[in-house]
Amino acid sequence: MASATKKTKLIRRNKKTKSGKVRKAKEQNQGTTVTREVLFAD
């Protein structure tokens, strides 16, 4: 059986993932400005 510490670390890791960590990092690196292709699509 997993120890209390292992369970806690797993819960915290999952919470971070759920709170949009990947999405937020992507927005910081890539930005949120819409591309020209999307803006001026015909």
PDB file of N, CA and C in Angstrom:
ATOM      1  N   MET A   1       0.830  -1.184   0.000  1.00  0.00           N
ATOM      2  CA  MET A   1       0.000   0.000   0.000  1.00  0.00           C
ATOM      3  C   MET A   1       0.878   1.253   0.000  1.00  0.00           C
ATOM      4  N   ALA A   2       0.425   2.285  -0.693  1.00  0.00           N
ATOM      5  CA  ALA A   2       1.211   3.508  -0.798  1.00  0.00           C
ATOM      6  C   ALA A   2       1.216   4.266   0.527  1.00  0.00           C
ATOM      7  N   SER A   3       2.345   4.919   0.778  1.00  0.00           N
ATOM      8  CA  SER A   3       2.449   5.706   2.008  1.00  0.00           C
ATOM      9  C   SER A   3       1.637   6.994   1.879  1.00  0.00           C
ATOM     10  N   ALA A   4       1.392   7.624   2.997  1.00  0.00           N
ATOM     11  CA  ALA A   4       0.624   8.870   3.021  1.00  0.00           C
ATOM     12  C   ALA A   4       1.318   9.951   2.197  1.00  0.00           C
ATOM     13  N   THR A   5       2.647   9.985   2.269  1.00  0.00           N
ATOM     14  CA  THR A   5       3.400  10.994   1.523  1.00  0.00           C
ATOM     15  C   THR A   5       3.252  10.788   0.024  1.00  0.00           C
ATOM     16  N   LYS A   6       3.341   9.534  -0.415  1.00  0.00           N
ATOM     17  CA  LYS A   6       3.175   9.225  -1.841  1.00  0.00           C
ATOM     18  C   LYS A   6       1.801   9.658  -2.322  1.00  0.00           C
ATOM     19  N   LYS A   7       0.778   9.358  -1.529  1.00  0.00           N
ATOM     20  CA  LYS A   7      -0.593   9.723  -1.907  1.00  0.00           C
ATOM     21  C   LYS A   7      -0.730  11.236  -2.007  1.00  0.00           C
ATOM     22  N   THR A   8      -0.165  11.940  -1.019  1.00  0.00           N
ATOM     23  CA  THR A   8      -0.258  13.400  -0.999  1.00  0.00           C
ATOM     24  C   THR A   8       0.424  13.995  -2.217  1.00  0.00           C
ATOM     25  N   LYS A   9       1.626  13.510  -2.535  1.00  0.00           N
ATOM     26  CA  LYS A   9       2.357  14.026  -3.692  1.00  0.00           C
ATOM     27  C   LYS A   9       1.583  13.783  -4.978  1.00  0.00           C
ATOM     28  N   LEU A  10       0.977  12.625  -5.079  1.00  0.00           N
ATOM     29  CA  LEU A  10       0.190  12.291  -6.266  1.00  0.00           C
ATOM     30  C   LEU A  10      -1.024  13.208  -6.388  1.00  0.00           C
ATOM     31  N   ILE A  11      -1.697  13.436  -5.282  1.00  0.00           N
ATOM     32  CA  ILE A  11      -2.872  14.319  -5.278  1.00  0.00           C
ATOM     33  C   ILE A  11      -2.461  15.733  -5.687  1.00  0.00           C
ATOM     34  N   ARG A  12      -1.364  16.232  -5.119  1.00  0.00           N
ATOM     35  CA  ARG A  12      -0.911  17.586  -5.448  1.00  0.00           C
ATOM     36  C   ARG A  12      -0.512  17.702  -6.908  1.00  0.00           C
ATOM     37  N   ARG A  13       0.162  16.651  -7.426  1.00  0.00           N
ATOM     38  CA  ARG A  13       0.568  16.666  -8.836  1.00  0.00           C
ATOM     39  C   ARG A  13      -0.654  16.700  -9.741  1.00  0.00           C
ATOM     40  N   ASN A  14      -1.661  15.903  -9.409  1.00  0.00           N
ATOM     41  CA  ASN A  14      -2.882  15.879 -10.207  1.00  0.00           C
ATOM     42  C   ASN A  14      -3.631  17.199 -10.122  1.00  0.00           C
ATOM     43  N   LYS A  15      -3.612  17.833  -8.956  1.00  0.00           N
ATOM     44  CA  LYS A  15      -4.273  19.128  -8.796  1.00  0.00           C
ATOM     45  C   LYS A  15      -3.608  20.174  -9.681  1.00  0.00           C
ATOM     46  N   LYS A  16      -2.273  20.155  -9.721  1.00  0.00           N
ATOM     47  CA  LYS A  16      -1.555  21.115 -10.553  1.00  0.00           C
ATOM     48  C   LYS A  16      -1.915  20.925 -12.017  1.00  0.00           C
ATOM     49  N   THR A  17      -1.996  19.685 -12.438  1.00  0.00           N
ATOM     50  CA  THR A  17      -2.353  19.395 -13.823  1.00  0.00           C
ATOM     51  C   THR A  17      -3.766  19.878 -14.121  1.00  0.00           C
ATOM     52  N   LYS A  18      -4.664  19.625 -13.176  1.00  0.00           N
ATOM     53  CA  LYS A  18      -6.056  20.027 -13.362  1.00  0.00           C
ATOM     54  C   LYS A  18      -6.221  21.533 -13.379  1.00  0.00           C
ATOM     55  N   SER A  19      -5.332  22.242 -12.704  1.00  0.00           N
ATOM     56  CA  SER A  19      -5.481  23.693 -12.623  1.00  0.00           C
ATOM     57  C   SER A  19      -4.942  24.385 -13.864  1.00  0.00           C
ATOM     58  N   GLY A  20      -4.660  23.643 -14.915  1.00  0.00           N
ATOM     59  CA  GLY A  20      -4.293  24.223 -16.196  1.00  0.00           C
ATOM     60  C   GLY A  20      -2.831  24.601 -16.325  1.00  0.00           C
ATOM     61  N   LYS A  21      -1.969  23.882 -15.640  1.00  0.00           N
ATOM     62  CA  LYS A  21      -0.545  24.217 -15.675  1.00  0.00           C
ATOM     63  C   LYS A  21       0.013  24.155 -17.096  1.00  0.00           C
ATOM     64  N   VAL A  22      -0.355  23.139 -17.841  1.00  0.00           N
ATOM     65  CA  VAL A  22       0.155  22.961 -19.201  1.00  0.00           C
ATOM     66  C   VAL A  22      -0.380  24.069 -20.106  1.00  0.00           C
ATOM     67  N   ARG A  23      -1.662  24.375 -19.992  1.00  0.00           N
ATOM     68  CA  ARG A  23      -2.279  25.403 -20.827  1.00  0.00           C
ATOM     69  C   ARG A  23      -1.669  26.772 -20.533  1.00  0.00           C
ATOM     70  N   LYS A  24      -1.485  27.073 -19.247  1.00  0.00           N
ATOM     71  CA  LYS A  24      -0.934  28.367 -18.874  1.00  0.00           C
ATOM     72  C   LYS A  24       0.504  28.520 -19.373  1.00  0.00           C
ATOM     73  N   ALA A  25       1.288  27.465 -19.271  1.00  0.00           N
ATOM     74  CA  ALA A  25       2.671  27.510 -19.746  1.00  0.00           C
ATOM     75  C   ALA A  25       2.691  27.718 -21.257  1.00  0.00           C
ATOM     76  N   LYS A  26       1.787  27.066 -21.960  1.00  0.00           N
ATOM     77  CA  LYS A  26       1.716  27.220 -23.416  1.00  0.00           C
ATOM     78  C   LYS A  26       1.380  28.657 -23.779  1.00  0.00           C
ATOM     79  N   GLU A  27       0.441  29.253 -23.059  1.00  0.00           N
ATOM     80  CA  GLU A  27       0.058  30.636 -23.341  1.00  0.00           C
ATOM     81  C   GLU A  27       1.198  31.602 -23.059  1.00  0.00           C
ATOM     82  N   GLN A  28       1.983  31.326 -22.027  1.00  0.00           N
ATOM     83  CA  GLN A  28       3.108  32.197 -21.709  1.00  0.00           C
ATOM     84  C   GLN A  28       4.176  32.127 -22.796  1.00  0.00           C
ATOM     85  N   ASN A  29       4.407  30.929 -23.332  1.00  0.00           N
ATOM     86  CA  ASN A  29       5.459  30.748 -24.327  1.00  0.00           C
ATOM     87  C   ASN A  29       4.990  31.114 -25.732  1.00  0.00           C
ATOM     88  N   GLN A  30       3.774  30.733 -26.071  1.00  0.00           N
ATOM     89  CA  GLN A  30       3.283  30.888 -27.433  1.00  0.00           C
ATOM     90  C   GLN A  30       2.450  32.150 -27.594  1.00  0.00           C
ATOM     91  N   GLY A  31       1.831  32.606 -26.541  1.00  0.00           N
ATOM     92  CA  GLY A  31       0.979  33.784 -26.604  1.00  0.00           C
ATOM     93  C   GLY A  31      -0.441  33.403 -26.973  1.00  0.00           C
ATOM     94  N   THR A  32      -1.340  34.380 -26.876  1.00  0.00           N
ATOM     95  CA  THR A  32      -2.751  34.107 -27.139  1.00  0.00           C
ATOM     96  C   THR A  32      -3.265  34.868 -28.354  1.00  0.00           C
ATOM     97  N   THR A  33      -2.369  35.547 -29.050  1.00  0.00           N
ATOM     98  CA  THR A  33      -2.778  36.303 -30.226  1.00  0.00           C
ATOM     99  C   THR A  33      -3.168  35.328 -31.338  1.00  0.00           C
ATOM    100  N   VAL A  34      -4.283  35.641 -31.985  1.00  0.00           N
ATOM    101  CA  VAL A  34      -4.773  34.780 -33.063  1.00  0.00           C
ATOM    102  C   VAL A  34      -3.869  34.947 -34.279  1.00  0.00           C
ATOM    103  N   THR A  35      -3.613  33.847 -35.002  1.00  0.00           N
ATOM    104  CA  THR A  35      -2.732  33.898 -36.171  1.00  0.00           C
ATOM    105  C   THR A  35      -3.405  34.618 -37.334  1.00  0.00           C
ATOM    106  N   ARG A  36      -2.597  35.071 -38.273  1.00  0.00           N
ATOM    107  CA  ARG A  36      -3.137  35.761 -39.458  1.00  0.00           C
ATOM    108  C   ARG A  36      -4.079  34.846 -40.239  1.00  0.00           C
ATOM    109  N   GLU A  37      -3.742  33.549 -40.302  1.00  0.00           N
ATOM    110  CA  GLU A  37      -4.580  32.606 -41.047  1.00  0.00           C
ATOM    111  C   GLU A  37      -5.982  32.541 -40.463  1.00  0.00           C
ATOM    112  N   VAL A  38      -6.067  32.583 -39.140  1.00  0.00           N
ATOM    113  CA  VAL A  38      -7.373  32.514 -38.483  1.00  0.00           C
ATOM    114  C   VAL A  38      -8.111  33.841 -38.630  1.00  0.00           C
ATOM    115  N   LEU A  39      -7.373  34.941 -38.478  1.00  0.00           N
ATOM    116  CA  LEU A  39      -7.999  36.262 -38.551  1.00  0.00           C
ATOM    117  C   LEU A  39      -8.556  36.558 -39.942  1.00  0.00           C
ATOM    118  N   PHE A  40      -7.775  36.251 -40.969  1.00  0.00           N
ATOM    119  CA  PHE A  40      -8.127  36.636 -42.329  1.00  0.00           C
ATOM    120  C   PHE A  40      -8.481  35.439 -43.192  1.00  0.00           C
ATOM    121  N   ALA A  41      -9.061  34.422 -42.601  1.00  0.00           N
ATOM    122  CA  ALA A  41      -9.443  33.232 -43.367  1.00  0.00           C
ATOM    123  C   ALA A  41     -10.562  33.582 -44.337  1.00  0.00           C
ATOM    124  N   ASP A  42     -10.439  33.075 -45.543  1.00  0.00           N
ATOM    125  CA  ASP A  42     -11.465  33.352 -46.553  1.00  0.00           C
ATOM    126  C   ASP A  42     -12.464  32.230 -46.632  1.00  0.00           C
TER     127      ASP A  42
END
